[in-house]
Amino acid sequence: MFMGGISIWQLLIILVIVVLLFGTKRLKGIGTDLGGAIKGFKKAVTEEDKDADFEQKKQVEEKSAAEPVSTKTQSDVKEKS
């Protein structure tokens, strides 16, 4: 295939060695733990995004509530001048 690349046969030999070293039960446990960790990480990231969005909306609402709304029109301002 490619010069210097890893062929399918080399990957299969590595897989066989890993299975012989660790065993299928331990590999299954490692896979389960790794999958759970990835799932937890994704959940934490999405919750953080939701929290950030909520905080941003809250700040915008507080800012708009703090600013007084002017009901004067340009004609009212000209009459007082």
N, C-alpha and C. Protein backbone atom coordinates (compact mmCIF):
# COMPACT_ATOMS: atom_id res chain seq x y z
N MET A 1 0.84 -1.18 0.00
CA MET A 1 0.00 0.00 0.00
C MET A 1 0.88 1.25 0.00
N PHE A 2 0.99 1.91 1.17
CA PHE A 2 1.77 3.13 1.28
C PHE A 2 3.13 2.81 1.89
N MET A 3 4.11 3.53 1.51
CA MET A 3 5.42 3.34 2.11
C MET A 3 5.41 3.94 3.51
N GLY A 4 5.82 3.16 4.48
CA GLY A 4 5.88 3.66 5.83
C GLY A 4 4.54 3.63 6.55
N GLY A 5 3.48 3.22 5.89
CA GLY A 5 2.16 3.17 6.52
C GLY A 5 1.94 1.84 7.21
N ILE A 6 0.86 1.77 7.97
CA ILE A 6 0.52 0.52 8.66
C ILE A 6 -0.52 -0.21 7.82
N SER A 7 -0.22 -1.46 7.50
CA SER A 7 -1.15 -2.24 6.68
C SER A 7 -2.17 -2.93 7.59
N ILE A 8 -3.17 -3.52 7.00
CA ILE A 8 -4.22 -4.21 7.73
C ILE A 8 -3.64 -5.40 8.49
N TRP A 9 -2.64 -6.06 7.92
CA TRP A 9 -2.02 -7.23 8.57
C TRP A 9 -1.29 -6.80 9.84
N GLN A 10 -0.63 -5.68 9.80
CA GLN A 10 0.07 -5.20 10.99
C GLN A 10 -0.92 -4.82 12.09
N LEU A 11 -2.04 -4.23 11.71
CA LEU A 11 -3.08 -3.90 12.69
C LEU A 11 -3.68 -5.15 13.32
N LEU A 12 -3.89 -6.20 12.51
CA LEU A 12 -4.43 -7.46 13.04
C LEU A 12 -3.44 -8.11 14.01
N ILE A 13 -2.16 -8.07 13.70
CA ILE A 13 -1.15 -8.64 14.60
C ILE A 13 -1.14 -7.88 15.92
N ILE A 14 -1.24 -6.55 15.88
CA ILE A 14 -1.29 -5.73 17.10
C ILE A 14 -2.54 -6.07 17.90
N LEU A 15 -3.67 -6.23 17.24
CA LEU A 15 -4.91 -6.58 17.91
C LEU A 15 -4.80 -7.92 18.62
N VAL A 16 -4.22 -8.91 17.96
CA VAL A 16 -4.05 -10.24 18.57
C VAL A 16 -3.15 -10.15 19.80
N ILE A 17 -2.08 -9.39 19.72
CA ILE A 17 -1.17 -9.25 20.86
C ILE A 17 -1.87 -8.57 22.03
N VAL A 18 -2.64 -7.52 21.75
CA VAL A 18 -3.36 -6.82 22.82
C VAL A 18 -4.38 -7.74 23.48
N VAL A 19 -5.10 -8.53 22.69
CA VAL A 19 -6.09 -9.47 23.25
C VAL A 19 -5.39 -10.52 24.10
N LEU A 20 -4.26 -11.01 23.64
CA LEU A 20 -3.52 -12.01 24.42
C LEU A 20 -2.98 -11.42 25.73
N LEU A 21 -2.55 -10.18 25.71
CA LEU A 21 -2.00 -9.54 26.91
C LEU A 21 -3.08 -9.23 27.94
N PHE A 22 -4.18 -8.65 27.51
CA PHE A 22 -5.19 -8.16 28.44
C PHE A 22 -6.37 -9.11 28.63
N GLY A 23 -6.71 -9.87 27.64
CA GLY A 23 -7.88 -10.73 27.73
C GLY A 23 -9.14 -9.96 27.34
N THR A 24 -10.13 -10.72 26.93
CA THR A 24 -11.35 -10.08 26.42
C THR A 24 -12.17 -9.43 27.52
N LYS A 25 -12.17 -10.01 28.74
CA LYS A 25 -12.97 -9.42 29.82
C LYS A 25 -12.41 -8.05 30.22
N ARG A 26 -11.10 -7.97 30.34
CA ARG A 26 -10.50 -6.70 30.74
C ARG A 26 -10.68 -5.66 29.63
N LEU A 27 -10.55 -6.07 28.37
CA LEU A 27 -10.75 -5.13 27.26
C LEU A 27 -12.20 -4.63 27.23
N LYS A 28 -13.14 -5.52 27.53
CA LYS A 28 -14.55 -5.11 27.57
C LYS A 28 -14.77 -4.08 28.68
N GLY A 29 -14.16 -4.32 29.84
CA GLY A 29 -14.28 -3.37 30.96
C GLY A 29 -13.64 -2.03 30.62
N ILE A 30 -12.49 -2.06 29.97
CA ILE A 30 -11.82 -0.82 29.56
C ILE A 30 -12.68 -0.05 28.57
N GLY A 31 -13.26 -0.77 27.62
CA GLY A 31 -14.13 -0.13 26.63
C GLY A 31 -15.36 0.49 27.26
N THR A 32 -15.95 -0.22 28.22
CA THR A 32 -17.13 0.31 28.93
C THR A 32 -16.77 1.56 29.71
N ASP A 33 -15.65 1.51 30.42
CA ASP A 33 -15.22 2.68 31.20
C ASP A 33 -14.90 3.87 30.30
N LEU A 34 -14.23 3.60 29.19
CA LEU A 34 -13.89 4.67 28.26
C LEU A 34 -15.15 5.29 27.65
N GLY A 35 -16.10 4.45 27.27
CA GLY A 35 -17.36 4.95 26.72
C GLY A 35 -18.13 5.80 27.72
N GLY A 36 -18.16 5.35 28.98
CA GLY A 36 -18.84 6.12 30.03
C GLY A 36 -18.16 7.47 30.27
N ALA A 37 -16.83 7.46 30.22
CA ALA A 37 -16.10 8.71 30.41
C ALA A 37 -16.38 9.70 29.28
N ILE A 38 -16.43 9.20 28.06
CA ILE A 38 -16.71 10.08 26.91
C ILE A 38 -18.13 10.62 27.00
N LYS A 39 -19.07 9.77 27.38
CA LYS A 39 -20.46 10.20 27.52
C LYS A 39 -20.59 11.28 28.59
N GLY A 40 -19.91 11.08 29.72
CA GLY A 40 -19.94 12.08 30.80
C GLY A 40 -19.31 13.40 30.37
N PHE A 41 -18.23 13.32 29.61
CA PHE A 41 -17.58 14.53 29.12
C PHE A 41 -18.50 15.31 28.19
N LYS A 42 -19.14 14.61 27.26
CA LYS A 42 -20.07 15.27 26.33
C LYS A 42 -21.22 15.92 27.09
N LYS A 43 -21.74 15.23 28.10
CA LYS A 43 -22.85 15.78 28.89
C LYS A 43 -22.41 17.04 29.63
N ALA A 44 -21.21 17.01 30.19
CA ALA A 44 -20.70 18.18 30.92
C ALA A 44 -20.50 19.37 29.98
N VAL A 45 -20.03 19.11 28.77
CA VAL A 45 -19.80 20.19 27.81
C VAL A 45 -21.13 20.81 27.38
N THR A 46 -22.14 19.99 27.10
CA THR A 46 -23.42 20.53 26.67
C THR A 46 -24.11 21.28 27.82
N GLU A 47 -23.98 20.78 29.05
CA GLU A 47 -24.57 21.49 30.19
C GLU A 47 -23.88 22.83 30.40
N GLU A 48 -22.57 22.87 30.19
CA GLU A 48 -21.84 24.12 30.35
C GLU A 48 -22.29 25.13 29.30
N ASP A 49 -22.53 24.66 28.06
CA ASP A 49 -23.02 25.56 27.02
C ASP A 49 -24.40 26.10 27.37
N LYS A 50 -25.25 25.24 27.91
CA LYS A 50 -26.59 25.69 28.29
C LYS A 50 -26.52 26.70 29.43
N ASP A 51 -25.63 26.44 30.40
CA ASP A 51 -25.47 27.37 31.51
C ASP A 51 -24.94 28.72 31.02
N ALA A 52 -24.01 28.69 30.07
CA ALA A 52 -23.45 29.93 29.53
C ALA A 52 -24.53 30.71 28.78
N ASP A 53 -25.35 30.00 28.00
CA ASP A 53 -26.44 30.67 27.28
C ASP A 53 -27.43 31.28 28.26
N PHE A 54 -27.75 30.55 29.33
CA PHE A 54 -28.69 31.05 30.33
C PHE A 54 -28.14 32.31 31.01
N GLU A 55 -26.86 32.28 31.37
CA GLU A 55 -26.25 33.44 32.02
C GLU A 55 -26.23 34.64 31.08
N GLN A 56 -25.96 34.41 29.81
CA GLN A 56 -25.92 35.50 28.84
C GLN A 56 -27.31 36.12 28.69
N LYS A 57 -28.35 35.30 28.59
CA LYS A 57 -29.71 35.81 28.47
C LYS A 57 -30.10 36.58 29.72
N LYS A 58 -29.69 36.07 30.88
CA LYS A 58 -30.01 36.73 32.14
C LYS A 58 -29.36 38.11 32.21
N GLN A 59 -28.12 38.22 31.77
CA GLN A 59 -27.43 39.50 31.76
C GLN A 59 -28.09 40.49 30.81
N VAL A 60 -28.53 40.01 29.65
CA VAL A 60 -29.19 40.89 28.69
C VAL A 60 -30.51 41.40 29.27
N GLU A 61 -31.26 40.50 29.92
CA GLU A 61 -32.53 40.91 30.52
C GLU A 61 -32.32 41.93 31.64
N GLU A 62 -31.30 41.70 32.47
CA GLU A 62 -31.01 42.63 33.56
C GLU A 62 -30.59 43.99 33.01
N LYS A 63 -29.81 43.98 31.95
CA LYS A 63 -29.35 45.23 31.36
C LYS A 63 -30.51 46.00 30.75
N SER A 64 -31.40 45.31 30.06
CA SER A 64 -32.54 45.99 29.44
C SER A 64 -33.53 46.48 30.50
N ALA A 65 -33.64 45.77 31.61
CA ALA A 65 -34.54 46.20 32.68
C ALA A 65 -33.95 47.40 33.42
N ALA A 66 -32.65 47.51 33.48
CA ALA A 66 -32.01 48.61 34.19
C ALA A 66 -32.05 49.92 33.41
N GLU A 67 -32.12 49.83 32.09
CA GLU A 67 -32.15 51.03 31.25
C GLU A 67 -33.58 51.58 31.22
N PRO A 68 -33.77 52.84 31.58
CA PRO A 68 -35.12 53.41 31.53
C PRO A 68 -35.56 53.60 30.08
N VAL A 69 -36.80 53.38 29.86
CA VAL A 69 -37.35 53.53 28.51
C VAL A 69 -37.88 54.95 28.37
N SER A 70 -37.42 55.66 27.37
CA SER A 70 -37.83 57.04 27.14
C SER A 70 -39.08 57.05 26.28
N THR A 71 -40.09 57.79 26.74
CA THR A 71 -41.33 57.87 25.98
C THR A 71 -41.47 59.20 25.26
N LYS A 72 -40.44 60.03 25.36
CA LYS A 72 -40.49 61.34 24.70
C LYS A 72 -40.25 61.17 23.22
N THR A 73 -40.98 61.97 22.46
CA THR A 73 -40.78 61.97 21.02
C THR A 73 -39.95 63.20 20.64
N GLN A 74 -39.55 63.27 19.44
CA GLN A 74 -38.75 64.42 19.00
C GLN A 74 -39.56 65.71 19.06
N SER A 75 -40.83 65.64 18.79
CA SER A 75 -41.67 66.85 18.84
C SER A 75 -41.77 67.38 20.28
N ASP A 76 -41.84 66.47 21.28
CA ASP A 76 -41.88 66.89 22.68
C ASP A 76 -40.58 67.59 23.07
N VAL A 77 -39.48 67.10 22.59
CA VAL A 77 -38.20 67.70 22.91
C VAL A 77 -38.08 69.08 22.28
N LYS A 78 -38.56 69.25 21.04
CA LYS A 78 -38.49 70.54 20.34
C LYS A 78 -39.39 71.57 21.01
N GLU A 79 -40.56 71.19 21.52
CA GLU A 79 -41.47 72.12 22.15
C GLU A 79 -40.88 72.69 23.44
N LYS A 80 -40.13 71.89 24.17
CA LYS A 80 -39.53 72.36 25.43
C LYS A 80 -38.37 73.30 25.15
N SER A 81 -37.71 73.21 24.00
CA SER A 81 -36.55 74.04 23.71
C SER A 81 -36.88 75.45 23.40
